[in-house]
Amino acid sequence: YSSHVLAAALQQAAERRGLALSDSTDA
């Protein structure tokens, strides 16, 4: 939920470990 480009690196790191990302309604 961040427009910051660093967010992509953190998301990709989680996805590379096969971690399921959660949704939020108030980010």
PDB file of all heavy atoms in Angstrom:
ATOM      1  N   TYR A   1       0.829  -1.209   0.000  1.00  0.00           N
ATOM      2  CA  TYR A   1       0.000   0.000   0.000  1.00  0.00           C
ATOM      3  C   TYR A   1       0.865   1.262   0.000  1.00  0.00           C
ATOM      4  O   TYR A   1       0.381   2.347   0.283  1.00  0.00           O
ATOM      5  CB  TYR A   1      -0.928  -0.022   1.208  1.00  0.00           C
ATOM      6  CG  TYR A   1      -1.803  -1.248   1.227  1.00  0.00           C
ATOM      7  CD1 TYR A   1      -1.443  -2.387   1.949  1.00  0.00           C
ATOM      8  CD2 TYR A   1      -2.969  -1.295   0.468  1.00  0.00           C
ATOM      9  CE1 TYR A   1      -2.231  -3.524   1.937  1.00  0.00           C
ATOM     10  CE2 TYR A   1      -3.767  -2.426   0.454  1.00  0.00           C
ATOM     11  CZ  TYR A   1      -3.394  -3.542   1.180  1.00  0.00           C
ATOM     12  OH  TYR A   1      -4.177  -4.672   1.160  1.00  0.00           O
ATOM     13  N   SER A   2       2.122   1.096  -0.321  1.00  0.00           N
ATOM     14  CA  SER A   2       3.033   2.232  -0.371  1.00  0.00           C
ATOM     15  C   SER A   2       3.387   2.542  -1.817  1.00  0.00           C
ATOM     16  O   SER A   2       3.594   1.637  -2.627  1.00  0.00           O
ATOM     17  CB  SER A   2       4.313   1.924   0.409  1.00  0.00           C
ATOM     18  OG  SER A   2       5.270   2.950   0.219  1.00  0.00           O
ATOM     19  N   SER A   3       3.449   3.828  -2.135  1.00  0.00           N
ATOM     20  CA  SER A   3       3.888   4.245  -3.464  1.00  0.00           C
ATOM     21  C   SER A   3       5.399   4.394  -3.521  1.00  0.00           C
ATOM     22  O   SER A   3       5.969   4.690  -4.564  1.00  0.00           O
ATOM     23  CB  SER A   3       3.240   5.590  -3.838  1.00  0.00           C
ATOM     24  OG  SER A   3       3.601   6.589  -2.891  1.00  0.00           O
ATOM     25  N   HIS A   4       6.038   4.194  -2.388  1.00  0.00           N
ATOM     26  CA  HIS A   4       7.487   4.298  -2.308  1.00  0.00           C
ATOM     27  C   HIS A   4       8.122   3.145  -3.073  1.00  0.00           C
ATOM     28  O   HIS A   4       7.687   1.999  -2.961  1.00  0.00           O
ATOM     29  CB  HIS A   4       7.915   4.252  -0.835  1.00  0.00           C
ATOM     30  CG  HIS A   4       9.244   4.899  -0.591  1.00  0.00           C
ATOM     31  ND1 HIS A   4      10.427   4.301  -0.915  1.00  0.00           N
ATOM     32  CD2 HIS A   4       9.550   6.088  -0.028  1.00  0.00           C
ATOM     33  CE1 HIS A   4      11.422   5.095  -0.568  1.00  0.00           C
ATOM     34  NE2 HIS A   4      10.913   6.185  -0.031  1.00  0.00           N
ATOM     35  N   VAL A   5       9.156   3.437  -3.858  1.00  0.00           N
ATOM     36  CA  VAL A   5       9.753   2.408  -4.695  1.00  0.00           C
ATOM     37  C   VAL A   5      10.423   1.319  -3.866  1.00  0.00           C
ATOM     38  O   VAL A   5      10.521   0.171  -4.299  1.00  0.00           O
ATOM     39  CB  VAL A   5      10.763   3.038  -5.678  1.00  0.00           C
ATOM     40  CG1 VAL A   5      11.312   2.001  -6.626  1.00  0.00           C
ATOM     41  CG2 VAL A   5      10.093   4.168  -6.433  1.00  0.00           C
ATOM     42  N   LEU A   6      10.898   1.642  -2.668  1.00  0.00           N
ATOM     43  CA  LEU A   6      11.518   0.642  -1.798  1.00  0.00           C
ATOM     44  C   LEU A   6      10.527  -0.473  -1.477  1.00  0.00           C
ATOM     45  O   LEU A   6      10.927  -1.605  -1.178  1.00  0.00           O
ATOM     46  CB  LEU A   6      11.993   1.310  -0.510  1.00  0.00           C
ATOM     47  CG  LEU A   6      12.696   0.403   0.503  1.00  0.00           C
ATOM     48  CD1 LEU A   6      13.918  -0.238  -0.109  1.00  0.00           C
ATOM     49  CD2 LEU A   6      13.051   1.190   1.742  1.00  0.00           C
ATOM     50  N   ALA A   7       9.244  -0.180  -1.550  1.00  0.00           N
ATOM     51  CA  ALA A   7       8.224  -1.182  -1.242  1.00  0.00           C
ATOM     52  C   ALA A   7       8.365  -2.402  -2.134  1.00  0.00           C
ATOM     53  O   ALA A   7       8.128  -3.534  -1.698  1.00  0.00           O
ATOM     54  CB  ALA A   7       6.836  -0.561  -1.407  1.00  0.00           C
ATOM     55  N   ALA A   8       8.760  -2.197  -3.369  1.00  0.00           N
ATOM     56  CA  ALA A   8       8.887  -3.334  -4.291  1.00  0.00           C
ATOM     57  C   ALA A   8       9.938  -4.317  -3.803  1.00  0.00           C
ATOM     58  O   ALA A   8       9.749  -5.539  -3.895  1.00  0.00           O
ATOM     59  CB  ALA A   8       9.238  -2.824  -5.689  1.00  0.00           C
ATOM     60  N   ALA A   9      11.054  -3.820  -3.276  1.00  0.00           N
ATOM     61  CA  ALA A   9      12.112  -4.712  -2.790  1.00  0.00           C
ATOM     62  C   ALA A   9      11.623  -5.548  -1.615  1.00  0.00           C
ATOM     63  O   ALA A   9      11.929  -6.743  -1.517  1.00  0.00           O
ATOM     64  CB  ALA A   9      13.338  -3.897  -2.392  1.00  0.00           C
ATOM     65  N   LEU A  10      10.853  -4.952  -0.710  1.00  0.00           N
ATOM     66  CA  LEU A  10      10.342  -5.681   0.450  1.00  0.00           C
ATOM     67  C   LEU A  10       9.289  -6.708   0.038  1.00  0.00           C
ATOM     68  O   LEU A  10       9.258  -7.834   0.550  1.00  0.00           O
ATOM     69  CB  LEU A  10       9.771  -4.697   1.461  1.00  0.00           C
ATOM     70  CG  LEU A  10      10.811  -3.744   2.074  1.00  0.00           C
ATOM     71  CD1 LEU A  10      10.138  -2.594   2.795  1.00  0.00           C
ATOM     72  CD2 LEU A  10      11.735  -4.501   3.021  1.00  0.00           C
ATOM     73  N   GLN A  11       8.422  -6.328  -0.888  1.00  0.00           N
ATOM     74  CA  GLN A  11       7.438  -7.287  -1.385  1.00  0.00           C
ATOM     75  C   GLN A  11       8.119  -8.460  -2.082  1.00  0.00           C
ATOM     76  O   GLN A  11       7.784  -9.630  -1.855  1.00  0.00           O
ATOM     77  CB  GLN A  11       6.495  -6.599  -2.367  1.00  0.00           C
ATOM     78  CG  GLN A  11       5.574  -5.572  -1.753  1.00  0.00           C
ATOM     79  CD  GLN A  11       4.725  -4.903  -2.826  1.00  0.00           C
ATOM     80  OE1 GLN A  11       3.941  -5.556  -3.492  1.00  0.00           O
ATOM     81  NE2 GLN A  11       4.890  -3.608  -2.994  1.00  0.00           N
ATOM     82  N   GLN A  12       9.081  -8.163  -2.932  1.00  0.00           N
ATOM     83  CA  GLN A  12       9.757  -9.213  -3.682  1.00  0.00           C
ATOM     84  C   GLN A  12      10.507 -10.161  -2.756  1.00  0.00           C
ATOM     85  O   GLN A  12      10.551 -11.377  -3.005  1.00  0.00           O
ATOM     86  CB  GLN A  12      10.711  -8.591  -4.701  1.00  0.00           C
ATOM     87  CG  GLN A  12       9.997  -7.882  -5.836  1.00  0.00           C
ATOM     88  CD  GLN A  12      10.921  -7.007  -6.660  1.00  0.00           C
ATOM     89  OE1 GLN A  12      12.143  -7.014  -6.459  1.00  0.00           O
ATOM     90  NE2 GLN A  12      10.354  -6.239  -7.572  1.00  0.00           N
ATOM     91  N   ALA A  13      11.110  -9.608  -1.693  1.00  0.00           N
ATOM     92  CA  ALA A  13      11.828 -10.464  -0.754  1.00  0.00           C
ATOM     93  C   ALA A  13      10.866 -11.454  -0.098  1.00  0.00           C
ATOM     94  O   ALA A  13      11.199 -12.639   0.080  1.00  0.00           O
ATOM     95  CB  ALA A  13      12.519  -9.606   0.306  1.00  0.00           C
ATOM     96  N   ALA A  14       9.664 -10.976   0.271  1.00  0.00           N
ATOM     97  CA  ALA A  14       8.679 -11.874   0.871  1.00  0.00           C
ATOM     98  C   ALA A  14       8.196 -12.915  -0.131  1.00  0.00           C
ATOM     99  O   ALA A  14       8.056 -14.107   0.189  1.00  0.00           O
ATOM    100  CB  ALA A  14       7.508 -11.062   1.415  1.00  0.00           C
ATOM    101  N   GLU A  15       7.948 -12.491  -1.360  1.00  0.00           N
ATOM    102  CA  GLU A  15       7.451 -13.416  -2.375  1.00  0.00           C
ATOM    103  C   GLU A  15       8.493 -14.461  -2.737  1.00  0.00           C
ATOM    104  O   GLU A  15       8.153 -15.619  -3.019  1.00  0.00           O
ATOM    105  CB  GLU A  15       7.019 -12.623  -3.603  1.00  0.00           C
ATOM    106  CG  GLU A  15       5.767 -11.781  -3.357  1.00  0.00           C
ATOM    107  CD  GLU A  15       5.488 -10.805  -4.478  1.00  0.00           C
ATOM    108  OE1 GLU A  15       6.355 -10.672  -5.374  1.00  0.00           O
ATOM    109  OE2 GLU A  15       4.422 -10.163  -4.459  1.00  0.00           O
ATOM    110  N   ARG A  16       9.784 -14.076  -2.752  1.00  0.00           N
ATOM    111  CA  ARG A  16      10.825 -15.050  -3.063  1.00  0.00           C
ATOM    112  C   ARG A  16      10.887 -16.164  -2.009  1.00  0.00           C
ATOM    113  O   ARG A  16      11.329 -17.278  -2.304  1.00  0.00           O
ATOM    114  CB  ARG A  16      12.178 -14.346  -3.177  1.00  0.00           C
ATOM    115  CG  ARG A  16      12.411 -13.669  -4.521  1.00  0.00           C
ATOM    116  CD  ARG A  16      13.862 -13.315  -4.718  1.00  0.00           C
ATOM    117  NE  ARG A  16      14.316 -12.308  -3.768  1.00  0.00           N
ATOM    118  CZ  ARG A  16      14.323 -10.999  -4.001  1.00  0.00           C
ATOM    119  NH1 ARG A  16      13.884 -10.542  -5.158  1.00  0.00           N
ATOM    120  NH2 ARG A  16      14.740 -10.161  -3.093  1.00  0.00           N
ATOM    121  N   ARG A  17      10.472 -15.854  -0.781  1.00  0.00           N
ATOM    122  CA  ARG A  17      10.450 -16.875   0.272  1.00  0.00           C
ATOM    123  C   ARG A  17       9.122 -17.648   0.279  1.00  0.00           C
ATOM    124  O   ARG A  17       8.886 -18.484   1.153  1.00  0.00           O
ATOM    125  CB  ARG A  17      10.657 -16.233   1.643  1.00  0.00           C
ATOM    126  CG  ARG A  17      12.031 -15.610   1.814  1.00  0.00           C
ATOM    127  CD  ARG A  17      12.307 -15.304   3.273  1.00  0.00           C
ATOM    128  NE  ARG A  17      13.557 -14.572   3.446  1.00  0.00           N
ATOM    129  CZ  ARG A  17      14.113 -14.313   4.636  1.00  0.00           C
ATOM    130  NH1 ARG A  17      13.505 -14.720   5.748  1.00  0.00           N
ATOM    131  NH2 ARG A  17      15.249 -13.645   4.719  1.00  0.00           N
ATOM    132  N   GLY A  18       8.248 -17.340  -0.672  1.00  0.00           N
ATOM    133  CA  GLY A  18       6.984 -18.053  -0.757  1.00  0.00           C
ATOM    134  C   GLY A  18       5.987 -17.662   0.314  1.00  0.00           C
ATOM    135  O   GLY A  18       5.100 -18.455   0.658  1.00  0.00           O
ATOM    136  N   LEU A  19       6.089 -16.427   0.829  1.00  0.00           N
ATOM    137  CA  LEU A  19       5.200 -15.978   1.900  1.00  0.00           C
ATOM    138  C   LEU A  19       3.941 -15.357   1.302  1.00  0.00           C
ATOM    139  O   LEU A  19       4.024 -14.534   0.382  1.00  0.00           O
ATOM    140  CB  LEU A  19       5.923 -14.964   2.793  1.00  0.00           C
ATOM    141  CG  LEU A  19       7.258 -15.453   3.395  1.00  0.00           C
ATOM    142  CD1 LEU A  19       7.921 -14.337   4.179  1.00  0.00           C
ATOM    143  CD2 LEU A  19       7.029 -16.672   4.285  1.00  0.00           C
ATOM    144  N   ALA A  20       2.793 -15.715   1.828  1.00  0.00           N
ATOM    145  CA  ALA A  20       1.522 -15.182   1.336  1.00  0.00           C
ATOM    146  C   ALA A  20       1.263 -13.816   1.960  1.00  0.00           C
ATOM    147  O   ALA A  20       1.180 -13.687   3.185  1.00  0.00           O
ATOM    148  CB  ALA A  20       0.389 -16.141   1.668  1.00  0.00           C
ATOM    149  N   LEU A  21       1.128 -12.789   1.120  1.00  0.00           N
ATOM    150  CA  LEU A  21       0.907 -11.437   1.610  1.00  0.00           C
ATOM    151  C   LEU A  21      -0.568 -11.228   1.942  1.00  0.00           C
ATOM    152  O   LEU A  21      -1.461 -11.760   1.275  1.00  0.00           O
ATOM    153  CB  LEU A  21       1.367 -10.419   0.567  1.00  0.00           C
ATOM    154  CG  LEU A  21       2.842 -10.528   0.150  1.00  0.00           C
ATOM    155  CD1 LEU A  21       3.185  -9.410  -0.825  1.00  0.00           C
ATOM    156  CD2 LEU A  21       3.763 -10.475   1.360  1.00  0.00           C
ATOM    157  N   SER A  22      -0.819 -10.446   3.000  1.00  0.00           N
ATOM    158  CA  SER A  22      -2.178 -10.193   3.469  1.00  0.00           C
ATOM    159  C   SER A  22      -2.700  -8.859   2.965  1.00  0.00           C
ATOM    160  O   SER A  22      -1.925  -7.967   2.603  1.00  0.00           O
ATOM    161  CB  SER A  22      -2.214 -10.208   5.001  1.00  0.00           C
ATOM    162  OG  SER A  22      -1.783 -11.457   5.506  1.00  0.00           O
ATOM    163  N   ASP A  23      -4.042  -8.716   2.982  1.00  0.00           N
ATOM    164  CA  ASP A  23      -4.688  -7.481   2.563  1.00  0.00           C
ATOM    165  C   ASP A  23      -5.037  -6.632   3.774  1.00  0.00           C
ATOM    166  O   ASP A  23      -5.167  -7.126   4.900  1.00  0.00           O
ATOM    167  CB  ASP A  23      -5.952  -7.786   1.768  1.00  0.00           C
ATOM    168  CG  ASP A  23      -5.648  -8.516   0.472  1.00  0.00           C
ATOM    169  OD1 ASP A  23      -4.578  -8.249  -0.112  1.00  0.00           O
ATOM    170  OD2 ASP A  23      -6.473  -9.362   0.058  1.00  0.00           O
ATOM    171  N   SER A  24      -5.185  -5.343   3.517  1.00  0.00           N
ATOM    172  CA  SER A  24      -5.592  -4.414   4.570  1.00  0.00           C
ATOM    173  C   SER A  24      -6.653  -3.480   4.012  1.00  0.00           C
ATOM    174  O   SER A  24      -6.635  -3.140   2.828  1.00  0.00           O
ATOM    175  CB  SER A  24      -4.389  -3.606   5.065  1.00  0.00           C
ATOM    176  OG  SER A  24      -4.800  -2.599   5.962  1.00  0.00           O
ATOM    177  N   THR A  25      -7.569  -3.069   4.897  1.00  0.00           N
ATOM    178  CA  THR A  25      -8.626  -2.140   4.460  1.00  0.00           C
ATOM    179  C   THR A  25      -8.407  -0.732   4.986  1.00  0.00           C
ATOM    180  O   THR A  25      -9.166   0.181   4.637  1.00  0.00           O
ATOM    181  CB  THR A  25     -10.001  -2.637   4.941  1.00  0.00           C
ATOM    182  OG1 THR A  25      -9.984  -2.763   6.370  1.00  0.00           O
ATOM    183  CG2 THR A  25     -10.326  -3.986   4.304  1.00  0.00           C
ATOM    184  N   ASP A  26      -7.380  -0.523   5.818  1.00  0.00           N
ATOM    185  CA  ASP A  26      -7.173   0.809   6.394  1.00  0.00           C
ATOM    186  C   ASP A  26      -5.720   1.280   6.256  1.00  0.00           C
ATOM    187  O   ASP A  26      -5.247   2.084   7.046  1.00  0.00           O
ATOM    188  CB  ASP A  26      -7.581   0.809   7.868  1.00  0.00           C
ATOM    189  CG  ASP A  26      -6.710  -0.121   8.708  1.00  0.00           C
ATOM    190  OD1 ASP A  26      -5.927  -0.895   8.118  1.00  0.00           O
ATOM    191  OD2 ASP A  26      -6.802  -0.055   9.948  1.00  0.00           O
ATOM    192  N   ALA A  27      -5.002   0.733   5.279  1.00  0.00           N
ATOM    193  CA  ALA A  27      -3.593   1.117   5.109  1.00  0.00           C
ATOM    194  C   ALA A  27      -3.489   2.608   4.836  1.00  0.00           C
ATOM    195  O   ALA A  27      -4.282   3.182   4.088  1.00  0.00           O
ATOM    196  CB  ALA A  27      -2.971   0.320   3.974  1.00  0.00           C
TER     197      ALA A  27
END
